[in-house]
Amino acid sequence: MTSTFFRYLIFALGGIAISGCDRAPQGFPSVVPCKITVVKGDVPLPEVNIMFITDGGSLWFTSAQSDSTGVAELRTFMGDYTKNGAPEGTYKITLSQLAQVKSEWTQQQLFDMSPAEKESERQRMAKLIAESRSFPAEFENAATTPITVEVKKTQTDIRLDVTEWIGKQ
């Protein structure tokens, strides 16, 4: 009798565990596995943060960060649930990339500077950051970005060449 009870218990717990796996929250869209490659001409752009912006509000969002070859695998998030891919549809795209500049001063040297020296260093760093930008500032804002992309079930690899938009600046 006890062994039969434990068999049923194990069967029931196994069924609960299986049914709870990969269960999307209510309102989570179906997604298409999708990669995006960000390039400028023939040059891949590494470490680009990519956000897919939908019209209207949604409880989920899609984003990615490109690797050293400019390739990013899109992921859709809702709360703490995530799934590889993006829902079908047309999106505005924001792109940003952290500037790879460093101060020539140590933290202690910066701390010991006069207010005028600190301001001068802040302005110098702001100029270096602005000069090292891969993208115009409007690419970082959903209201001003000129880039749109369509995700389709039949096209799971998207190539985004930003040359045309940067060339207009």
N, C-alpha and C. Protein backbone atom coordinates (compact mmCIF):
# COMPACT_ATOMS: atom_id res chain seq x y z
N MET A 1 0.82 -1.19 0.00
CA MET A 1 0.00 0.00 0.00
C MET A 1 0.86 1.25 0.00
N THR A 2 1.91 1.26 0.85
CA THR A 2 2.76 2.43 0.95
C THR A 2 3.51 2.66 -0.35
N SER A 3 3.99 1.60 -0.98
CA SER A 3 4.72 1.77 -2.23
C SER A 3 3.81 2.31 -3.33
N THR A 4 2.54 1.92 -3.34
CA THR A 4 1.58 2.44 -4.32
C THR A 4 1.35 3.92 -4.08
N PHE A 5 1.20 4.32 -2.82
CA PHE A 5 1.01 5.73 -2.48
C PHE A 5 2.20 6.56 -2.97
N PHE A 6 3.41 6.08 -2.72
CA PHE A 6 4.60 6.83 -3.13
C PHE A 6 4.72 6.89 -4.65
N ARG A 7 4.30 5.85 -5.35
CA ARG A 7 4.31 5.89 -6.81
C ARG A 7 3.38 6.99 -7.33
N TYR A 8 2.16 7.04 -6.75
CA TYR A 8 1.21 8.08 -7.15
C TYR A 8 1.73 9.48 -6.80
N LEU A 9 2.34 9.58 -5.62
CA LEU A 9 2.89 10.88 -5.19
C LEU A 9 4.00 11.33 -6.14
N ILE A 10 4.89 10.43 -6.48
CA ILE A 10 5.98 10.76 -7.40
C ILE A 10 5.42 11.12 -8.77
N PHE A 11 4.44 10.36 -9.24
CA PHE A 11 3.80 10.64 -10.53
C PHE A 11 3.14 12.02 -10.51
N ALA A 12 2.43 12.34 -9.44
CA ALA A 12 1.74 13.64 -9.33
C ALA A 12 2.74 14.78 -9.26
N LEU A 13 3.77 14.63 -8.45
CA LEU A 13 4.78 15.69 -8.35
C LEU A 13 5.52 15.87 -9.67
N GLY A 14 5.80 14.78 -10.36
CA GLY A 14 6.45 14.87 -11.67
C GLY A 14 5.56 15.60 -12.66
N GLY A 15 4.26 15.32 -12.64
CA GLY A 15 3.33 16.01 -13.53
C GLY A 15 3.26 17.50 -13.24
N ILE A 16 3.26 17.85 -11.96
CA ILE A 16 3.25 19.27 -11.57
C ILE A 16 4.53 19.95 -12.04
N ALA A 17 5.65 19.30 -11.85
CA ALA A 17 6.94 19.89 -12.25
C ALA A 17 7.00 20.08 -13.76
N ILE A 18 6.52 19.09 -14.51
CA ILE A 18 6.57 19.20 -15.97
C ILE A 18 5.63 20.29 -16.46
N SER A 19 4.43 20.35 -15.89
CA SER A 19 3.47 21.35 -16.36
C SER A 19 3.90 22.76 -15.99
N GLY A 20 4.73 22.92 -14.96
CA GLY A 20 5.17 24.25 -14.55
C GLY A 20 6.40 24.74 -15.30
N CYS A 21 7.04 23.90 -16.08
CA CYS A 21 8.25 24.29 -16.79
C CYS A 21 7.91 25.24 -17.93
N ASP A 22 8.70 26.27 -18.06
CA ASP A 22 8.62 27.20 -19.19
C ASP A 22 7.20 27.72 -19.40
N ARG A 23 6.52 28.00 -18.34
CA ARG A 23 5.15 28.49 -18.44
C ARG A 23 5.17 30.01 -18.46
N ALA A 24 4.76 30.57 -19.57
CA ALA A 24 4.78 32.02 -19.75
C ALA A 24 3.67 32.67 -18.93
N PRO A 25 3.91 33.85 -18.39
CA PRO A 25 2.86 34.56 -17.68
C PRO A 25 1.76 35.02 -18.64
N GLN A 26 0.59 35.27 -18.09
CA GLN A 26 -0.52 35.74 -18.91
C GLN A 26 -0.14 37.04 -19.59
N GLY A 27 -0.44 37.14 -20.88
CA GLY A 27 -0.13 38.34 -21.65
C GLY A 27 1.23 38.29 -22.33
N PHE A 28 2.01 37.24 -22.07
CA PHE A 28 3.31 37.12 -22.73
C PHE A 28 3.08 36.69 -24.18
N PRO A 29 3.66 37.41 -25.15
CA PRO A 29 3.41 37.08 -26.55
C PRO A 29 4.20 35.87 -27.02
N SER A 30 3.75 35.24 -28.09
CA SER A 30 4.55 34.18 -28.70
C SER A 30 5.71 34.86 -29.42
N VAL A 31 6.86 34.23 -29.40
CA VAL A 31 8.05 34.85 -29.97
C VAL A 31 8.65 33.99 -31.06
N VAL A 32 9.39 34.64 -31.94
CA VAL A 32 10.10 34.00 -33.04
C VAL A 32 11.59 34.06 -32.69
N PRO A 33 12.30 32.94 -32.67
CA PRO A 33 13.75 33.02 -32.44
C PRO A 33 14.37 33.96 -33.46
N CYS A 34 15.14 34.91 -33.00
CA CYS A 34 15.59 35.95 -33.91
C CYS A 34 16.94 36.51 -33.46
N LYS A 35 17.82 36.70 -34.42
CA LYS A 35 19.11 37.34 -34.19
C LYS A 35 19.18 38.60 -35.03
N ILE A 36 19.89 39.59 -34.52
CA ILE A 36 20.10 40.83 -35.27
C ILE A 36 21.60 41.10 -35.30
N THR A 37 22.09 41.47 -36.48
CA THR A 37 23.50 41.82 -36.64
C THR A 37 23.56 43.31 -36.93
N VAL A 38 24.31 44.03 -36.09
CA VAL A 38 24.43 45.48 -36.24
C VAL A 38 25.78 45.78 -36.87
N VAL A 39 25.75 46.47 -38.02
CA VAL A 39 26.97 46.80 -38.75
C VAL A 39 26.92 48.25 -39.20
N LYS A 40 28.10 48.78 -39.48
CA LYS A 40 28.23 50.06 -40.16
C LYS A 40 29.07 49.76 -41.38
N GLY A 41 28.39 49.65 -42.52
CA GLY A 41 29.06 49.17 -43.73
C GLY A 41 29.37 47.70 -43.54
N ASP A 42 30.65 47.34 -43.66
CA ASP A 42 31.06 45.95 -43.45
C ASP A 42 31.64 45.72 -42.07
N VAL A 43 31.60 46.74 -41.20
CA VAL A 43 32.22 46.64 -39.88
C VAL A 43 31.16 46.28 -38.84
N PRO A 44 31.34 45.13 -38.16
CA PRO A 44 30.39 44.77 -37.11
C PRO A 44 30.56 45.71 -35.92
N LEU A 45 29.45 46.05 -35.27
CA LEU A 45 29.50 46.95 -34.12
C LEU A 45 29.28 46.14 -32.84
N PRO A 46 30.34 46.01 -32.03
CA PRO A 46 30.24 45.21 -30.81
C PRO A 46 29.63 46.00 -29.66
N GLU A 47 29.09 45.24 -28.70
CA GLU A 47 28.57 45.79 -27.46
C GLU A 47 27.56 46.92 -27.66
N VAL A 48 26.69 46.73 -28.62
CA VAL A 48 25.61 47.68 -28.87
C VAL A 48 24.38 47.20 -28.10
N ASN A 49 23.79 48.07 -27.31
CA ASN A 49 22.54 47.77 -26.61
C ASN A 49 21.40 48.09 -27.56
N ILE A 50 20.53 47.12 -27.76
CA ILE A 50 19.45 47.23 -28.74
C ILE A 50 18.12 47.06 -28.00
N MET A 51 17.22 48.01 -28.18
CA MET A 51 15.88 47.91 -27.60
C MET A 51 14.86 47.95 -28.72
N PHE A 52 13.90 47.05 -28.70
CA PHE A 52 12.79 47.03 -29.65
C PHE A 52 11.61 47.70 -28.96
N ILE A 53 11.12 48.79 -29.52
CA ILE A 53 10.06 49.57 -28.91
C ILE A 53 8.76 49.37 -29.67
N THR A 54 7.69 48.98 -28.96
CA THR A 54 6.39 48.78 -29.59
C THR A 54 5.57 50.06 -29.50
N ASP A 55 4.59 50.18 -30.39
CA ASP A 55 3.62 51.27 -30.27
C ASP A 55 2.69 50.93 -29.11
N GLY A 56 2.41 51.90 -28.30
CA GLY A 56 1.53 51.64 -27.16
C GLY A 56 2.27 50.92 -26.06
N GLY A 57 1.65 50.83 -24.94
CA GLY A 57 2.29 50.17 -23.80
C GLY A 57 2.13 48.67 -23.86
N SER A 58 3.10 47.99 -23.33
CA SER A 58 3.01 46.54 -23.19
C SER A 58 3.71 46.18 -21.89
N LEU A 59 3.39 45.04 -21.36
CA LEU A 59 4.00 44.59 -20.12
C LEU A 59 5.31 43.84 -20.37
N TRP A 60 5.65 43.65 -21.62
CA TRP A 60 6.88 42.94 -21.99
C TRP A 60 7.75 43.86 -22.82
N PHE A 61 9.04 43.52 -22.93
CA PHE A 61 9.95 44.26 -23.80
C PHE A 61 10.96 43.30 -24.39
N THR A 62 11.54 43.71 -25.51
CA THR A 62 12.52 42.90 -26.23
C THR A 62 13.81 43.70 -26.35
N SER A 63 14.93 43.04 -26.04
CA SER A 63 16.22 43.72 -26.11
C SER A 63 17.33 42.71 -26.35
N ALA A 64 18.53 43.24 -26.57
CA ALA A 64 19.71 42.40 -26.77
C ALA A 64 20.95 43.27 -26.68
N GLN A 65 22.11 42.62 -26.58
CA GLN A 65 23.39 43.32 -26.69
C GLN A 65 24.26 42.52 -27.66
N SER A 66 24.82 43.24 -28.64
CA SER A 66 25.63 42.55 -29.64
C SER A 66 26.95 42.09 -29.04
N ASP A 67 27.45 40.99 -29.58
CA ASP A 67 28.74 40.47 -29.15
C ASP A 67 29.86 41.11 -29.99
N SER A 68 31.06 40.57 -29.91
CA SER A 68 32.20 41.16 -30.61
C SER A 68 32.07 41.10 -32.13
N THR A 69 31.16 40.26 -32.63
CA THR A 69 30.95 40.16 -34.08
C THR A 69 29.74 40.96 -34.54
N GLY A 70 29.14 41.73 -33.63
CA GLY A 70 27.97 42.54 -33.96
C GLY A 70 26.66 41.79 -33.92
N VAL A 71 26.69 40.51 -33.54
CA VAL A 71 25.49 39.68 -33.52
C VAL A 71 24.87 39.69 -32.12
N ALA A 72 23.53 39.81 -32.09
CA ALA A 72 22.80 39.80 -30.83
C ALA A 72 21.61 38.87 -30.95
N GLU A 73 21.39 38.05 -29.95
CA GLU A 73 20.20 37.20 -29.91
C GLU A 73 19.14 37.93 -29.11
N LEU A 74 18.01 38.18 -29.75
CA LEU A 74 16.94 38.93 -29.09
C LEU A 74 16.29 38.09 -28.00
N ARG A 75 15.92 38.77 -26.92
CA ARG A 75 15.23 38.13 -25.80
C ARG A 75 14.05 39.01 -25.42
N THR A 76 12.94 38.36 -25.10
CA THR A 76 11.75 39.08 -24.66
C THR A 76 11.55 38.80 -23.17
N PHE A 77 11.26 39.87 -22.43
CA PHE A 77 11.17 39.81 -20.98
C PHE A 77 9.78 40.28 -20.52
N MET A 78 9.30 39.64 -19.47
CA MET A 78 8.09 40.10 -18.79
C MET A 78 8.26 39.71 -17.32
N GLY A 79 8.47 40.70 -16.48
CA GLY A 79 8.78 40.41 -15.08
C GLY A 79 10.07 39.63 -15.01
N ASP A 80 10.06 38.51 -14.31
CA ASP A 80 11.27 37.70 -14.23
C ASP A 80 11.26 36.54 -15.24
N TYR A 81 10.28 36.54 -16.14
CA TYR A 81 10.21 35.52 -17.19
C TYR A 81 10.88 36.05 -18.45
N THR A 82 11.67 35.22 -19.09
CA THR A 82 12.35 35.61 -20.32
C THR A 82 12.35 34.45 -21.30
N LYS A 83 12.34 34.80 -22.57
CA LYS A 83 12.39 33.76 -23.61
C LYS A 83 13.17 34.31 -24.80
N ASN A 84 13.98 33.46 -25.42
CA ASN A 84 14.74 33.87 -26.61
C ASN A 84 13.77 34.15 -27.74
N GLY A 85 13.97 35.29 -28.39
CA GLY A 85 13.17 35.63 -29.55
C GLY A 85 12.45 36.95 -29.37
N ALA A 86 11.70 37.30 -30.42
CA ALA A 86 10.92 38.55 -30.43
C ALA A 86 9.55 38.25 -31.02
N PRO A 87 8.52 38.93 -30.54
CA PRO A 87 7.20 38.76 -31.16
C PRO A 87 7.21 39.33 -32.58
N GLU A 88 6.39 38.76 -33.45
CA GLU A 88 6.26 39.33 -34.80
C GLU A 88 5.72 40.74 -34.69
N GLY A 89 6.18 41.60 -35.59
CA GLY A 89 5.67 42.97 -35.61
C GLY A 89 6.71 43.95 -36.08
N THR A 90 6.33 45.22 -36.13
CA THR A 90 7.22 46.30 -36.53
C THR A 90 7.60 47.09 -35.29
N TYR A 91 8.87 47.39 -35.16
CA TYR A 91 9.40 48.05 -33.98
C TYR A 91 10.25 49.25 -34.34
N LYS A 92 10.25 50.24 -33.47
CA LYS A 92 11.27 51.27 -33.49
C LYS A 92 12.45 50.69 -32.73
N ILE A 93 13.64 51.01 -33.17
CA ILE A 93 14.84 50.45 -32.55
C ILE A 93 15.66 51.57 -31.93
N THR A 94 16.06 51.40 -30.67
CA THR A 94 17.03 52.32 -30.09
C THR A 94 18.35 51.58 -29.97
N LEU A 95 19.42 52.31 -30.22
CA LEU A 95 20.77 51.76 -30.14
C LEU A 95 21.61 52.65 -29.24
N SER A 96 22.40 52.03 -28.41
CA SER A 96 23.34 52.78 -27.59
C SER A 96 24.58 51.93 -27.37
N GLN A 97 25.65 52.61 -27.08
CA GLN A 97 26.91 51.91 -26.88
C GLN A 97 27.71 52.71 -25.86
N LEU A 98 28.19 52.04 -24.83
CA LEU A 98 28.98 52.73 -23.84
C LEU A 98 30.29 53.20 -24.44
N ALA A 99 30.64 54.43 -24.15
CA ALA A 99 31.91 54.98 -24.63
C ALA A 99 33.06 54.28 -23.91
N GLN A 100 34.09 53.97 -24.63
CA GLN A 100 35.24 53.29 -24.08
C GLN A 100 36.37 54.29 -23.82
N VAL A 101 36.12 55.23 -22.92
CA VAL A 101 37.14 56.23 -22.57
C VAL A 101 37.38 56.18 -21.08
N LYS A 102 38.60 56.51 -20.69
CA LYS A 102 38.98 56.51 -19.28
C LYS A 102 39.71 57.81 -18.96
N SER A 103 39.54 58.25 -17.74
CA SER A 103 40.28 59.42 -17.28
C SER A 103 41.74 59.04 -17.12
N GLU A 104 42.62 60.01 -17.32
CA GLU A 104 44.04 59.75 -17.11
C GLU A 104 44.43 59.93 -15.65
N TRP A 105 43.45 60.31 -14.82
CA TRP A 105 43.70 60.58 -13.42
C TRP A 105 43.19 59.44 -12.55
N THR A 106 43.85 59.22 -11.41
CA THR A 106 43.35 58.24 -10.43
C THR A 106 42.20 58.86 -9.66
N GLN A 107 41.46 58.03 -8.94
CA GLN A 107 40.36 58.54 -8.12
C GLN A 107 40.88 59.55 -7.09
N GLN A 108 42.03 59.26 -6.50
CA GLN A 108 42.59 60.18 -5.50
C GLN A 108 42.97 61.51 -6.13
N GLN A 109 43.57 61.46 -7.32
CA GLN A 109 43.94 62.70 -8.01
C GLN A 109 42.70 63.53 -8.34
N LEU A 110 41.65 62.88 -8.77
CA LEU A 110 40.40 63.59 -9.06
C LEU A 110 39.82 64.21 -7.79
N PHE A 111 39.88 63.47 -6.71
CA PHE A 111 39.38 63.97 -5.43
C PHE A 111 40.15 65.20 -4.97
N ASP A 112 41.47 65.21 -5.20
CA ASP A 112 42.32 66.31 -4.74
C ASP A 112 42.28 67.54 -5.64
N MET A 113 41.62 67.46 -6.79
CA MET A 113 41.58 68.61 -7.71
C MET A 113 40.73 69.74 -7.15
N SER A 114 41.07 70.93 -7.61
CA SER A 114 40.25 72.10 -7.27
C SER A 114 38.94 72.01 -8.05
N PRO A 115 37.91 72.75 -7.64
CA PRO A 115 36.66 72.74 -8.40
C PRO A 115 36.86 73.12 -9.87
N ALA A 116 37.73 74.07 -10.15
CA ALA A 116 37.98 74.46 -11.55
C ALA A 116 38.64 73.32 -12.33
N GLU A 117 39.59 72.62 -11.71
CA GLU A 117 40.25 71.49 -12.36
C GLU A 117 39.26 70.34 -12.61
N LYS A 118 38.38 70.10 -11.64
CA LYS A 118 37.36 69.05 -11.80
C LYS A 118 36.42 69.38 -12.95
N GLU A 119 36.03 70.64 -13.05
CA GLU A 119 35.14 71.05 -14.14
C GLU A 119 35.84 70.90 -15.48
N SER A 120 37.11 71.27 -15.53
CA SER A 120 37.88 71.13 -16.77
C SER A 120 37.97 69.66 -17.18
N GLU A 121 38.22 68.78 -16.21
CA GLU A 121 38.31 67.35 -16.50
C GLU A 121 36.94 66.81 -16.92
N ARG A 122 35.86 67.26 -16.29
CA ARG A 122 34.51 66.83 -16.67
C ARG A 122 34.21 67.22 -18.11
N GLN A 123 34.58 68.44 -18.49
CA GLN A 123 34.36 68.89 -19.87
C GLN A 123 35.21 68.11 -20.87
N ARG A 124 36.44 67.82 -20.49
CA ARG A 124 37.33 67.04 -21.36
C ARG A 124 36.75 65.64 -21.58
N MET A 125 36.28 65.00 -20.49
CA MET A 125 35.71 63.66 -20.60
C MET A 125 34.41 63.69 -21.42
N ALA A 126 33.58 64.70 -21.23
CA ALA A 126 32.34 64.81 -22.00
C ALA A 126 32.65 64.92 -23.49
N LYS A 127 33.69 65.67 -23.83
CA LYS A 127 34.09 65.81 -25.23
C LYS A 127 34.59 64.47 -25.79
N LEU A 128 35.41 63.76 -25.02
CA LEU A 128 35.91 62.45 -25.47
C LEU A 128 34.76 61.46 -25.67
N ILE A 129 33.81 61.48 -24.75
CA ILE A 129 32.66 60.58 -24.87
C ILE A 129 31.85 60.92 -26.11
N ALA A 130 31.60 62.20 -26.33
CA ALA A 130 30.83 62.63 -27.52
C ALA A 130 31.54 62.24 -28.80
N GLU A 131 32.87 62.37 -28.83
CA GLU A 131 33.64 62.04 -30.02
C GLU A 131 33.72 60.53 -30.26
N SER A 132 33.56 59.74 -29.19
CA SER A 132 33.69 58.29 -29.35
C SER A 132 32.35 57.61 -29.62
N ARG A 133 31.27 58.37 -29.66
CA ARG A 133 29.93 57.79 -29.91
C ARG A 133 29.89 57.11 -31.27
N SER A 134 29.32 55.93 -31.28
CA SER A 134 29.11 55.23 -32.54
C SER A 134 27.84 55.72 -33.22
N PHE A 135 26.89 56.22 -32.42
CA PHE A 135 25.58 56.61 -32.92
C PHE A 135 25.25 58.03 -32.50
N PRO A 136 24.48 58.73 -33.32
CA PRO A 136 23.96 60.03 -32.90
C PRO A 136 23.04 59.84 -31.69
N ALA A 137 22.94 60.87 -30.86
CA ALA A 137 22.15 60.78 -29.63
C ALA A 137 20.69 60.41 -29.89
N GLU A 138 20.12 60.83 -31.03
CA GLU A 138 18.71 60.51 -31.27
C GLU A 138 18.45 59.01 -31.44
N PHE A 139 19.49 58.22 -31.68
CA PHE A 139 19.32 56.77 -31.78
C PHE A 139 18.96 56.16 -30.42
N GLU A 140 19.26 56.86 -29.33
CA GLU A 140 19.03 56.33 -27.99
C GLU A 140 17.64 56.61 -27.46
N ASN A 141 16.83 57.34 -28.20
CA ASN A 141 15.52 57.77 -27.72
C ASN A 141 14.42 57.23 -28.64
N ALA A 142 13.42 56.58 -28.07
CA ALA A 142 12.34 55.99 -28.87
C ALA A 142 11.57 57.04 -29.66
N ALA A 143 11.51 58.25 -29.14
CA ALA A 143 10.76 59.31 -29.83
C ALA A 143 11.51 59.86 -31.03
N THR A 144 12.84 59.74 -31.05
CA THR A 144 13.63 60.37 -32.11
C THR A 144 14.37 59.40 -33.01
N THR A 145 14.42 58.13 -32.66
CA THR A 145 15.17 57.18 -33.49
C THR A 145 14.55 57.06 -34.89
N PRO A 146 15.39 57.07 -35.93
CA PRO A 146 14.85 56.93 -37.29
C PRO A 146 14.73 55.47 -37.72
N ILE A 147 15.13 54.53 -36.87
CA ILE A 147 15.25 53.13 -37.27
C ILE A 147 13.99 52.34 -36.92
N THR A 148 13.49 51.60 -37.90
CA THR A 148 12.41 50.64 -37.66
C THR A 148 12.82 49.30 -38.25
N VAL A 149 12.34 48.24 -37.64
CA VAL A 149 12.64 46.87 -38.08
C VAL A 149 11.37 46.05 -37.96
N GLU A 150 11.19 45.14 -38.90
CA GLU A 150 10.05 44.22 -38.83
C GLU A 150 10.55 42.82 -38.53
N VAL A 151 9.93 42.18 -37.57
CA VAL A 151 10.23 40.79 -37.24
C VAL A 151 9.13 39.93 -37.85
N LYS A 152 9.56 38.94 -38.65
CA LYS A 152 8.62 38.02 -39.30
C LYS A 152 9.04 36.60 -38.96
N LYS A 153 8.08 35.69 -38.99
CA LYS A 153 8.40 34.29 -38.76
C LYS A 153 9.35 33.75 -39.80
N THR A 154 9.26 34.28 -41.02
CA THR A 154 10.08 33.77 -42.12
C THR A 154 11.47 34.39 -42.16
N GLN A 155 11.72 35.41 -41.35
CA GLN A 155 13.03 36.07 -41.36
C GLN A 155 13.53 36.16 -39.93
N THR A 156 14.35 35.20 -39.54
CA THR A 156 14.81 35.16 -38.17
C THR A 156 16.21 35.75 -37.98
N ASP A 157 16.86 36.14 -39.06
CA ASP A 157 18.16 36.81 -38.98
C ASP A 157 18.01 38.17 -39.65
N ILE A 158 18.17 39.21 -38.87
CA ILE A 158 18.03 40.58 -39.36
C ILE A 158 19.40 41.22 -39.42
N ARG A 159 19.70 41.88 -40.52
CA ARG A 159 20.95 42.63 -40.66
C ARG A 159 20.58 44.11 -40.62
N LEU A 160 21.13 44.83 -39.66
CA LEU A 160 20.84 46.25 -39.50
C LEU A 160 22.11 47.03 -39.80
N ASP A 161 22.15 47.65 -40.98
CA ASP A 161 23.28 48.48 -41.37
C ASP A 161 22.91 49.93 -41.07
N VAL A 162 23.61 50.53 -40.12
CA VAL A 162 23.28 51.89 -39.66
C VAL A 162 23.95 52.97 -40.51
N THR A 163 24.70 52.59 -41.53
CA THR A 163 25.42 53.55 -42.36
C THR A 163 24.51 54.62 -42.93
N GLU A 164 23.37 54.22 -43.45
CA GLU A 164 22.46 55.17 -44.09
C GLU A 164 22.00 56.27 -43.11
N TRP A 165 21.71 55.91 -41.88
CA TRP A 165 21.25 56.90 -40.92
C TRP A 165 22.38 57.76 -40.38
N ILE A 166 23.53 57.15 -40.15
CA ILE A 166 24.65 57.94 -39.65
C ILE A 166 25.16 58.87 -40.73
N GLY A 167 25.08 58.45 -42.00
CA GLY A 167 25.51 59.29 -43.10
C GLY A 167 24.71 60.55 -43.27
N LYS A 168 23.46 60.58 -42.76
CA LYS A 168 22.60 61.74 -42.87
C LYS A 168 22.91 62.81 -41.82
N GLN A 169 23.73 62.47 -40.86
CA GLN A 169 24.01 63.39 -39.75
C GLN A 169 24.94 64.50 -40.15
